[in-house]
Amino acid sequence: MLSAMINQKGKFNFIAVALCFLFFASGCTRFSKQKPGETPDLSQPRQSFYSAPLERLNSGFMNIITGPLELVYQFKEEIKRTDPLRGAIPGVFRGVTWFAVREVVGIFEIVTFPIPWKPHLKPFDMDWLHA
């Protein structure tokens, strides 16, 4: 009777260890974007499952901070695309619209940062400030 219990306990331990191994092995590959048999893309830094929320939080704060710059940037781009007389009103309208969009998306990304989604907007291009 005792030897049967020891054998049963040994089988249970083996099954428990095998299930834990399968759980952890599948958990590591579940979040990978690489398909089986595909060579890894080493040109981009590796993003883990845990760093995606921090990237979204950072993106949300940057959207809120750079939102007011959209007013000036869109105004400048519309005047460059057309002429100063015809581009003033549409430039202001586009600037206010993009300002509102960037602020709302920034708040949304801050509120939902624990969800590992990619950021919704591209980062604001600040190269034109240095020109």
C-alpha atoms as a PDB file:
ATOM      1  CA  MET A   1       0.000   0.000   0.000  1.00  0.00           C
ATOM      2  CA  LEU A   2       2.780   2.424   0.946  1.00  0.00           C
ATOM      3  CA  SER A   3       4.793   1.632  -2.161  1.00  0.00           C
ATOM      4  CA  ALA A   4       1.703   2.246  -4.312  1.00  0.00           C
ATOM      5  CA  MET A   5       1.275   5.689  -2.672  1.00  0.00           C
ATOM      6  CA  ILE A   6       4.927   6.520  -3.266  1.00  0.00           C
ATOM      7  CA  ASN A   7       4.599   5.527  -6.919  1.00  0.00           C
ATOM      8  CA  GLN A   8       1.417   7.587  -7.210  1.00  0.00           C
ATOM      9  CA  LYS A   9       3.145  10.549  -5.568  1.00  0.00           C
ATOM     10  CA  GLY A  10       6.131  10.194  -7.911  1.00  0.00           C
ATOM     11  CA  LYS A  11       3.833  10.165 -10.944  1.00  0.00           C
ATOM     12  CA  PHE A  12       2.036  13.219  -9.603  1.00  0.00           C
ATOM     13  CA  ASN A  13       5.323  15.081  -9.106  1.00  0.00           C
ATOM     14  CA  PHE A  14       6.451  14.189 -12.621  1.00  0.00           C
ATOM     15  CA  ILE A  15       3.141  15.335 -14.123  1.00  0.00           C
ATOM     16  CA  ALA A  16       3.247  18.573 -12.097  1.00  0.00           C
ATOM     17  CA  VAL A  17       6.804  19.332 -13.212  1.00  0.00           C
ATOM     18  CA  ALA A  18       5.952  18.543 -16.848  1.00  0.00           C
ATOM     19  CA  LEU A  19       2.873  20.794 -16.752  1.00  0.00           C
ATOM     20  CA  CYS A  20       4.875  23.651 -15.180  1.00  0.00           C
ATOM     21  CA  PHE A  21       7.540  23.266 -17.849  1.00  0.00           C
ATOM     22  CA  LEU A  22       4.935  23.340 -20.640  1.00  0.00           C
ATOM     23  CA  PHE A  23       3.217  26.345 -19.068  1.00  0.00           C
ATOM     24  CA  PHE A  24       6.422  28.366 -18.825  1.00  0.00           C
ATOM     25  CA  ALA A  25       7.691  27.257 -22.243  1.00  0.00           C
ATOM     26  CA  SER A  26       4.443  28.235 -23.939  1.00  0.00           C
ATOM     27  CA  GLY A  27       4.268  31.503 -21.998  1.00  0.00           C
ATOM     28  CA  CYS A  28       7.636  32.602 -23.324  1.00  0.00           C
ATOM     29  CA  THR A  29       6.726  31.969 -26.939  1.00  0.00           C
ATOM     30  CA  ARG A  30       3.156  33.217 -26.759  1.00  0.00           C
ATOM     31  CA  PHE A  31       4.153  36.890 -26.882  1.00  0.00           C
ATOM     32  CA  SER A  32       6.843  36.476 -29.515  1.00  0.00           C
ATOM     33  CA  LYS A  33       6.178  38.116 -32.883  1.00  0.00           C
ATOM     34  CA  GLN A  34       8.629  35.766 -34.575  1.00  0.00           C
ATOM     35  CA  LYS A  35       7.055  32.911 -36.514  1.00  0.00           C
ATOM     36  CA  PRO A  36       8.477  29.385 -36.145  1.00  0.00           C
ATOM     37  CA  GLY A  37      11.376  28.862 -38.520  1.00  0.00           C
ATOM     38  CA  GLU A  38      11.798  32.604 -39.134  1.00  0.00           C
ATOM     39  CA  THR A  39      15.164  34.256 -38.575  1.00  0.00           C
ATOM     40  CA  PRO A  40      15.112  36.874 -35.823  1.00  0.00           C
ATOM     41  CA  ASP A  41      15.159  40.578 -36.733  1.00  0.00           C
ATOM     42  CA  LEU A  42      18.099  42.001 -34.804  1.00  0.00           C
ATOM     43  CA  SER A  43      17.850  45.491 -36.282  1.00  0.00           C
ATOM     44  CA  GLN A  44      15.299  46.619 -33.680  1.00  0.00           C
ATOM     45  CA  PRO A  45      15.767  46.471 -29.925  1.00  0.00           C
ATOM     46  CA  ARG A  46      13.863  43.608 -28.366  1.00  0.00           C
ATOM     47  CA  GLN A  47      10.707  44.652 -26.588  1.00  0.00           C
ATOM     48  CA  SER A  48       9.526  42.416 -23.821  1.00  0.00           C
ATOM     49  CA  PHE A  49       5.967  41.923 -22.671  1.00  0.00           C
ATOM     50  CA  TYR A  50       6.736  44.029 -19.610  1.00  0.00           C
ATOM     51  CA  SER A  51       8.336  47.004 -21.373  1.00  0.00           C
ATOM     52  CA  ALA A  52       5.354  47.658 -23.698  1.00  0.00           C
ATOM     53  CA  PRO A  53       3.224  49.279 -20.957  1.00  0.00           C
ATOM     54  CA  LEU A  54       6.100  51.570 -19.989  1.00  0.00           C
ATOM     55  CA  GLU A  55       6.511  52.575 -23.618  1.00  0.00           C
ATOM     56  CA  ARG A  56       2.794  53.408 -23.771  1.00  0.00           C
ATOM     57  CA  LEU A  57       3.006  55.445 -20.560  1.00  0.00           C
ATOM     58  CA  ASN A  58       5.962  57.374 -21.943  1.00  0.00           C
ATOM     59  CA  SER A  59       4.145  57.874 -25.254  1.00  0.00           C
ATOM     60  CA  GLY A  60       1.083  59.205 -23.427  1.00  0.00           C
ATOM     61  CA  PHE A  61       3.096  61.759 -21.460  1.00  0.00           C
ATOM     62  CA  MET A  62       4.969  62.836 -24.581  1.00  0.00           C
ATOM     63  CA  ASN A  63       1.693  63.275 -26.477  1.00  0.00           C
ATOM     64  CA  ILE A  64       0.376  65.558 -23.732  1.00  0.00           C
ATOM     65  CA  ILE A  65       3.608  67.553 -23.556  1.00  0.00           C
ATOM     66  CA  THR A  66       3.995  67.977 -27.326  1.00  0.00           C
ATOM     67  CA  GLY A  67       0.302  68.587 -28.039  1.00  0.00           C
ATOM     68  CA  PRO A  68       0.592  72.409 -27.970  1.00  0.00           C
ATOM     69  CA  LEU A  69       3.426  72.249 -30.514  1.00  0.00           C
ATOM     70  CA  GLU A  70       0.924  70.905 -33.047  1.00  0.00           C
ATOM     71  CA  LEU A  71      -0.713  74.348 -33.145  1.00  0.00           C
ATOM     72  CA  VAL A  72       2.437  75.965 -34.488  1.00  0.00           C
ATOM     73  CA  TYR A  73       3.601  73.004 -36.578  1.00  0.00           C
ATOM     74  CA  GLN A  74       0.351  72.455 -38.483  1.00  0.00           C
ATOM     75  CA  PHE A  75       0.000  76.208 -39.075  1.00  0.00           C
ATOM     76  CA  LYS A  76       3.543  76.328 -40.474  1.00  0.00           C
ATOM     77  CA  GLU A  77       3.041  73.248 -42.655  1.00  0.00           C
ATOM     78  CA  GLU A  78      -0.227  74.530 -44.130  1.00  0.00           C
ATOM     79  CA  ILE A  79       1.341  77.899 -44.974  1.00  0.00           C
ATOM     80  CA  LYS A  80       4.297  76.090 -46.553  1.00  0.00           C
ATOM     81  CA  ARG A  81       1.925  73.870 -48.557  1.00  0.00           C
ATOM     82  CA  THR A  82      -0.163  76.783 -49.843  1.00  0.00           C
ATOM     83  CA  ASP A  83       0.531  80.506 -49.381  1.00  0.00           C
ATOM     84  CA  PRO A  84       0.338  82.656 -46.210  1.00  0.00           C
ATOM     85  CA  LEU A  85      -3.029  84.175 -47.099  1.00  0.00           C
ATOM     86  CA  ARG A  86      -4.890  80.973 -47.997  1.00  0.00           C
ATOM     87  CA  GLY A  87      -3.114  78.771 -45.434  1.00  0.00           C
ATOM     88  CA  ALA A  88      -3.786  80.748 -42.255  1.00  0.00           C
ATOM     89  CA  ILE A  89      -7.335  79.623 -41.463  1.00  0.00           C
ATOM     90  CA  PRO A  90      -6.910  75.950 -42.464  1.00  0.00           C
ATOM     91  CA  GLY A  91      -3.564  75.892 -40.619  1.00  0.00           C
ATOM     92  CA  VAL A  92      -5.163  77.090 -37.404  1.00  0.00           C
ATOM     93  CA  PHE A  93      -8.003  74.590 -37.830  1.00  0.00           C
ATOM     94  CA  ARG A  94      -5.584  71.697 -38.469  1.00  0.00           C
ATOM     95  CA  GLY A  95      -3.422  72.793 -35.532  1.00  0.00           C
ATOM     96  CA  VAL A  96      -6.352  72.877 -33.114  1.00  0.00           C
ATOM     97  CA  THR A  97      -7.602  69.523 -34.409  1.00  0.00           C
ATOM     98  CA  TRP A  98      -4.224  67.807 -34.072  1.00  0.00           C
ATOM     99  CA  PHE A  99      -3.706  69.436 -30.671  1.00  0.00           C
ATOM    100  CA  ALA A 100      -7.005  67.937 -29.466  1.00  0.00           C
ATOM    101  CA  VAL A 101      -6.260  64.531 -30.998  1.00  0.00           C
ATOM    102  CA  ARG A 102      -2.787  64.370 -29.462  1.00  0.00           C
ATOM    103  CA  GLU A 103      -4.091  65.389 -26.018  1.00  0.00           C
ATOM    104  CA  VAL A 104      -6.969  62.867 -26.060  1.00  0.00           C
ATOM    105  CA  VAL A 105      -4.727  60.038 -27.279  1.00  0.00           C
ATOM    106  CA  GLY A 106      -2.151  60.973 -24.614  1.00  0.00           C
ATOM    107  CA  ILE A 107      -4.742  60.767 -21.845  1.00  0.00           C
ATOM    108  CA  PHE A 108      -6.078  57.493 -23.287  1.00  0.00           C
ATOM    109  CA  GLU A 109      -2.587  55.970 -23.370  1.00  0.00           C
ATOM    110  CA  ILE A 110      -1.857  57.042 -19.793  1.00  0.00           C
ATOM    111  CA  VAL A 111      -5.136  55.595 -18.519  1.00  0.00           C
ATOM    112  CA  THR A 112      -4.741  52.314 -20.415  1.00  0.00           C
ATOM    113  CA  PHE A 113      -0.959  51.898 -20.114  1.00  0.00           C
ATOM    114  CA  PRO A 114      -1.122  48.481 -18.351  1.00  0.00           C
ATOM    115  CA  ILE A 115      -2.560  46.985 -21.560  1.00  0.00           C
ATOM    116  CA  PRO A 116       0.400  45.968 -23.770  1.00  0.00           C
ATOM    117  CA  TRP A 117      -0.695  47.722 -26.983  1.00  0.00           C
ATOM    118  CA  LYS A 118       1.540  49.709 -29.273  1.00  0.00           C
ATOM    119  CA  PRO A 119       1.325  53.525 -29.088  1.00  0.00           C
ATOM    120  CA  HIS A 120      -1.456  54.970 -31.233  1.00  0.00           C
ATOM    121  CA  LEU A 121       0.366  58.021 -32.658  1.00  0.00           C
ATOM    122  CA  LYS A 122       3.848  58.415 -34.028  1.00  0.00           C
ATOM    123  CA  PRO A 123       6.116  60.549 -31.839  1.00  0.00           C
ATOM    124  CA  PHE A 124       6.064  64.252 -32.592  1.00  0.00           C
ATOM    125  CA  ASP A 125       8.867  65.238 -34.974  1.00  0.00           C
ATOM    126  CA  MET A 126      10.844  68.014 -33.272  1.00  0.00           C
ATOM    127  CA  ASP A 127      13.500  68.390 -35.964  1.00  0.00           C
ATOM    128  CA  TRP A 128      11.783  71.483 -37.353  1.00  0.00           C
ATOM    129  CA  LEU A 129      12.360  73.287 -34.036  1.00  0.00           C
ATOM    130  CA  HIS A 130      16.143  73.237 -34.563  1.00  0.00           C
ATOM    131  CA  ALA A 131      16.055  74.685 -38.089  1.00  0.00           C
END
